[in-house]
Protein backbone atom coordinates (compact mmCIF):
# COMPACT_ATOMS: atom_id res chain seq x y z
CA MET A 1 23.01 13.95 -69.11
CA SER A 2 21.30 14.11 -65.74
CA ALA A 3 18.83 11.51 -64.53
CA ARG A 4 15.24 12.68 -64.21
CA LEU A 5 13.60 12.37 -60.84
CA THR A 6 10.28 10.59 -60.60
CA ALA A 7 7.30 12.85 -59.97
CA ASP A 8 6.60 11.15 -56.63
CA PHE A 9 10.19 11.68 -55.43
CA TRP A 10 10.19 15.34 -56.55
CA VAL A 11 6.84 16.06 -54.87
CA HIS A 12 7.94 14.53 -51.56
CA ALA A 13 11.25 16.41 -51.62
CA TYR A 14 9.45 19.68 -52.43
CA LEU A 15 6.92 19.19 -49.61
CA ALA A 16 9.76 18.44 -47.18
CA ARG A 17 11.55 21.64 -48.19
CA LEU A 18 8.35 23.65 -47.76
CA ARG A 19 7.84 22.12 -44.29
CA LEU A 20 11.38 23.17 -43.31
CA ALA A 21 10.47 26.74 -44.26
CA ASP A 22 7.19 26.51 -42.27
CA ILE A 23 5.12 26.90 -45.43
CA PRO A 24 1.91 24.82 -45.35
CA ALA A 25 1.43 22.71 -48.47
CA TYR A 26 -0.76 19.80 -49.46
CA VAL A 27 -1.10 17.33 -52.30
CA ILE A 28 -4.62 17.96 -53.57
CA ALA A 29 -4.33 15.56 -56.52
CA ARG A 30 -1.99 12.60 -56.93
CA GLY A 31 -0.73 11.87 -60.38
CA ASP A 32 1.39 9.16 -61.93
CA ALA A 33 4.21 8.32 -59.52
CA THR A 34 6.81 8.00 -62.24
CA ALA A 35 6.13 10.54 -64.94
CA GLY A 36 3.19 12.72 -63.92
CA ALA A 37 3.45 16.46 -64.52
CA VAL A 38 3.13 18.79 -61.52
CA LEU A 39 1.12 21.97 -61.02
CA VAL A 40 1.68 24.18 -57.97
CA LYS A 41 -1.14 26.41 -56.77
CA LEU A 42 -0.03 29.27 -54.51
CA ASN A 43 -2.92 30.43 -52.34
CA PRO A 44 -2.13 33.64 -50.40
CA LEU A 45 -5.49 33.30 -48.59
CA ASP A 46 -6.86 36.55 -50.01
CA GLY A 47 -9.22 35.17 -52.67
CA SER A 48 -6.58 35.05 -55.37
CA ALA A 49 -4.21 32.31 -56.48
CA VAL A 50 -1.22 31.77 -58.76
CA LEU A 51 -0.77 28.57 -60.75
CA TYR A 52 2.77 27.45 -61.62
CA GLN A 53 3.79 24.89 -64.22
CA ARG A 54 7.20 23.67 -65.32
CA GLN A 55 8.12 24.94 -68.74
CA PHE A 56 10.97 23.85 -70.96
CA ASP A 57 13.17 26.71 -72.15
CA LEU A 58 14.44 25.61 -75.58
CA MET A 59 16.98 28.43 -75.83
CA ALA A 60 18.66 27.55 -72.53
CA ASP A 61 17.88 23.80 -72.70
CA THR A 62 16.54 23.95 -69.14
CA ARG A 63 13.29 23.65 -67.24
CA ARG A 64 11.91 26.45 -65.10
CA TRP A 65 8.74 27.18 -63.20
CA GLU A 66 6.46 29.77 -64.74
CA ALA A 67 3.26 31.38 -63.46
CA VAL A 68 0.64 30.31 -66.02
CA GLU A 69 -2.31 31.96 -64.27
CA ASP A 70 -2.63 34.69 -61.64
CA ALA A 71 -6.34 35.21 -61.03
CA PRO A 72 -9.18 34.81 -58.55
CA GLU A 73 -8.91 31.46 -56.78
CA SER A 74 -12.11 30.16 -58.40
CA ASP A 75 -10.62 30.76 -61.88
CA VAL A 76 -7.40 28.95 -60.93
CA ASP A 77 -9.41 26.05 -59.49
CA ALA A 78 -11.43 25.84 -62.71
CA ARG A 79 -8.23 25.68 -64.75
CA ILE A 80 -6.86 22.93 -62.50
CA ALA A 81 -10.10 20.95 -62.98
CA ARG A 82 -9.81 21.30 -66.78
CA GLU A 83 -6.15 20.24 -66.71
CA ARG A 84 -6.92 17.22 -64.50
CA ALA A 85 -9.81 16.17 -66.77
CA ARG A 86 -7.40 16.21 -69.71
CA ASP A 87 -4.47 14.64 -67.83
CA PRO A 88 -5.42 12.35 -64.90
CA ASP A 89 -1.69 11.69 -64.26
CA LEU A 90 -1.24 15.31 -63.17
CA TRP A 91 -0.11 16.12 -59.63
CA VAL A 92 -1.45 19.27 -57.93
CA ILE A 93 0.19 20.80 -54.87
CA GLU A 94 -1.45 23.67 -52.99
CA ILE A 95 0.62 26.07 -50.91
CA GLU A 96 -1.08 28.36 -48.40
CA ASP A 97 1.16 31.31 -47.66
CA ARG A 98 0.22 34.95 -47.12
CA GLN A 99 3.79 35.95 -48.02
CA ARG A 100 3.38 34.28 -51.44
CA ARG A 101 6.42 32.04 -51.01
CA SER A 102 6.66 28.97 -53.24
CA LEU A 103 10.45 28.35 -53.15
CA LEU A 104 10.20 27.42 -56.84
CA ASP A 105 12.83 30.02 -57.71
CA GLU A 106 15.40 28.37 -55.42
CA PRO A 107 18.14 26.08 -56.78
CA GLY A 108 17.08 22.45 -57.12
CA PHE A 109 13.43 23.01 -57.99
CA GLU A 110 13.79 23.70 -61.69
CA GLY A 111 12.74 20.15 -62.30
């Protein structure tokens, strides 16, 4: 059984990895430092956005990142606002990258 990382630790490690890849990213909402869930908004700076959320795969007994919305940026922002209203412990990270890189598919980020 592996130990779960705190949300705060995971967010800081993820932001550091993005910085190393020269991908601008920002925490736009801080959640609970210990157990807050995390949303990642990928903004390719073209008016659209993709929202990622960690999902638990029961069949594989693993967590993975999944795009839960790929829409105009205003729609993604509205969804984030609804999610934050329902869960104030939620973290939100925004990535700004025209190449649409999130690094979420790389080893170590499955959560």
